[in-house]
């Protein structure tokens, strides 16, 4: 068995988001997500950020909801790790 056979752990910053417009992330975490997805770092989960999240989800074969579910959080963390994006 190799290391890629194990599932990725949840990123330490990930919080399960309710199925509502309520945003569970603070401004710093949102800016980190925005930095990772190369969109303006406003610290607000605005339409531009949601569209970038949907684009990542589409590219990764994840349902494009615009919400940061576990699979999306893991994909964001993989981008950070791969490109050494600091948070």
C-alpha atoms as a PDB file:
ATOM      1  CA  UNK A   1       0.000   0.000   0.000  1.00  0.00           C
ATOM      2  CA  UNK A   2       1.353   3.444  -0.875  1.00  0.00           C
ATOM      3  CA  UNK A   3       0.678   6.852   0.643  1.00  0.00           C
ATOM      4  CA  UNK A   4      -1.674   7.830  -2.179  1.00  0.00           C
ATOM      5  CA  UNK A   5      -3.972   4.955  -1.201  1.00  0.00           C
ATOM      6  CA  UNK A   6      -4.971   6.786   1.968  1.00  0.00           C
ATOM      7  CA  UNK A   7      -7.640   9.486   1.890  1.00  0.00           C
ATOM      8  CA  UNK A   8      -6.547  13.059   2.465  1.00  0.00           C
ATOM      9  CA  UNK A   9      -7.185  14.313   5.991  1.00  0.00           C
ATOM     10  CA  UNK A  10      -9.564  17.219   6.480  1.00  0.00           C
ATOM     11  CA  UNK A  11      -7.683  20.518   6.234  1.00  0.00           C
ATOM     12  CA  UNK A  12      -7.268  22.092   9.677  1.00  0.00           C
ATOM     13  CA  UNK A  13      -9.181  25.188   8.556  1.00  0.00           C
ATOM     14  CA  UNK A  14     -12.190  23.254   7.183  1.00  0.00           C
ATOM     15  CA  UNK A  15     -15.559  23.737   8.906  1.00  0.00           C
ATOM     16  CA  UNK A  16     -18.610  21.906   7.608  1.00  0.00           C
ATOM     17  CA  UNK A  17     -20.881  24.491   6.064  1.00  0.00           C
ATOM     18  CA  UNK A  18     -24.642  24.311   6.615  1.00  0.00           C
ATOM     19  CA  UNK A  19     -26.906  24.165   3.580  1.00  0.00           C
ATOM     20  CA  UNK A  20     -27.821  27.818   3.869  1.00  0.00           C
ATOM     21  CA  UNK A  21     -26.363  31.182   2.868  1.00  0.00           C
ATOM     22  CA  UNK A  22     -24.650  31.349   6.278  1.00  0.00           C
ATOM     23  CA  UNK A  23     -20.878  31.614   5.921  1.00  0.00           C
ATOM     24  CA  UNK A  24     -18.957  29.798   8.648  1.00  0.00           C
ATOM     25  CA  UNK A  25     -15.493  31.151   7.806  1.00  0.00           C
ATOM     26  CA  UNK A  26     -13.861  34.222   9.259  1.00  0.00           C
ATOM     27  CA  UNK A  27     -12.399  36.935   7.029  1.00  0.00           C
ATOM     28  CA  UNK A  28      -8.819  35.595   7.301  1.00  0.00           C
ATOM     29  CA  UNK A  29      -9.836  32.096   6.186  1.00  0.00           C
ATOM     30  CA  UNK A  30     -11.834  33.547   3.292  1.00  0.00           C
ATOM     31  CA  UNK A  31      -8.810  35.633   2.236  1.00  0.00           C
ATOM     32  CA  UNK A  32      -6.690  32.450   2.330  1.00  0.00           C
ATOM     33  CA  UNK A  33      -9.219  30.685   0.092  1.00  0.00           C
ATOM     34  CA  UNK A  34      -9.286  33.714  -2.233  1.00  0.00           C
ATOM     35  CA  UNK A  35      -5.466  33.823  -2.392  1.00  0.00           C
ATOM     36  CA  UNK A  36      -5.374  30.130  -3.254  1.00  0.00           C
ATOM     37  CA  UNK A  37      -7.962  30.566  -6.013  1.00  0.00           C
ATOM     38  CA  UNK A  38      -6.322  33.772  -7.346  1.00  0.00           C
ATOM     39  CA  UNK A  39      -9.266  36.059  -6.803  1.00  0.00           C
ATOM     40  CA  UNK A  40      -9.377  39.450  -5.052  1.00  0.00           C
ATOM     41  CA  UNK A  41      -8.727  39.092  -1.319  1.00  0.00           C
ATOM     42  CA  UNK A  42     -11.734  40.879   0.133  1.00  0.00           C
ATOM     43  CA  UNK A  43     -12.269  38.628   3.141  1.00  0.00           C
ATOM     44  CA  UNK A  44     -15.921  38.322   2.126  1.00  0.00           C
ATOM     45  CA  UNK A  45     -17.552  35.285   0.539  1.00  0.00           C
ATOM     46  CA  UNK A  46     -18.760  37.401  -2.381  1.00  0.00           C
ATOM     47  CA  UNK A  47     -20.087  36.376  -5.808  1.00  0.00           C
ATOM     48  CA  UNK A  48     -16.601  36.513  -7.345  1.00  0.00           C
ATOM     49  CA  UNK A  49     -15.240  34.109  -4.721  1.00  0.00           C
ATOM     50  CA  UNK A  50     -18.207  31.765  -5.094  1.00  0.00           C
ATOM     51  CA  UNK A  51     -17.678  31.719  -8.871  1.00  0.00           C
ATOM     52  CA  UNK A  52     -13.994  30.835  -8.374  1.00  0.00           C
ATOM     53  CA  UNK A  53     -15.005  28.033  -6.009  1.00  0.00           C
ATOM     54  CA  UNK A  54     -17.495  26.757  -8.599  1.00  0.00           C
ATOM     55  CA  UNK A  55     -14.757  26.859 -11.251  1.00  0.00           C
ATOM     56  CA  UNK A  56     -12.456  24.768  -9.060  1.00  0.00           C
ATOM     57  CA  UNK A  57     -15.287  22.347  -8.333  1.00  0.00           C
ATOM     58  CA  UNK A  58     -16.086  22.000 -12.022  1.00  0.00           C
ATOM     59  CA  UNK A  59     -12.413  21.424 -12.870  1.00  0.00           C
ATOM     60  CA  UNK A  60     -12.100  18.784 -10.147  1.00  0.00           C
ATOM     61  CA  UNK A  61     -15.326  16.971 -11.062  1.00  0.00           C
ATOM     62  CA  UNK A  62     -17.071  18.060  -7.862  1.00  0.00           C
ATOM     63  CA  UNK A  63     -20.688  19.271  -8.030  1.00  0.00           C
ATOM     64  CA  UNK A  64     -20.353  23.032  -8.597  1.00  0.00           C
ATOM     65  CA  UNK A  65     -22.350  24.352  -5.647  1.00  0.00           C
ATOM     66  CA  UNK A  66     -20.020  27.194  -4.679  1.00  0.00           C
ATOM     67  CA  UNK A  67     -20.027  25.910  -1.107  1.00  0.00           C
ATOM     68  CA  UNK A  68     -16.831  24.705   0.543  1.00  0.00           C
ATOM     69  CA  UNK A  69     -17.665  21.092   1.314  1.00  0.00           C
ATOM     70  CA  UNK A  70     -15.059  18.584   2.474  1.00  0.00           C
ATOM     71  CA  UNK A  71     -14.029  17.542  -1.047  1.00  0.00           C
ATOM     72  CA  UNK A  72     -13.645  21.179  -2.105  1.00  0.00           C
ATOM     73  CA  UNK A  73     -11.629  21.991   1.032  1.00  0.00           C
ATOM     74  CA  UNK A  74      -9.282  19.076   0.286  1.00  0.00           C
ATOM     75  CA  UNK A  75      -8.860  20.337  -3.306  1.00  0.00           C
ATOM     76  CA  UNK A  76      -8.059  23.851  -2.072  1.00  0.00           C
ATOM     77  CA  UNK A  77      -5.541  22.438   0.406  1.00  0.00           C
ATOM     78  CA  UNK A  78      -3.913  20.340  -2.328  1.00  0.00           C
ATOM     79  CA  UNK A  79      -3.445  23.514  -4.405  1.00  0.00           C
ATOM     80  CA  UNK A  80      -1.875  25.265  -1.416  1.00  0.00           C
ATOM     81  CA  UNK A  81       0.449  22.370  -0.755  1.00  0.00           C
ATOM     82  CA  UNK A  82       1.411  21.901  -4.396  1.00  0.00           C
ATOM     83  CA  UNK A  83       2.158  25.557  -5.068  1.00  0.00           C
ATOM     84  CA  UNK A  84       3.385  26.420  -1.548  1.00  0.00           C
ATOM     85  CA  UNK A  85       0.758  29.093  -1.079  1.00  0.00           C
ATOM     86  CA  UNK A  86       1.173  30.566   2.367  1.00  0.00           C
ATOM     87  CA  UNK A  87      -1.811  31.317   4.530  1.00  0.00           C
END
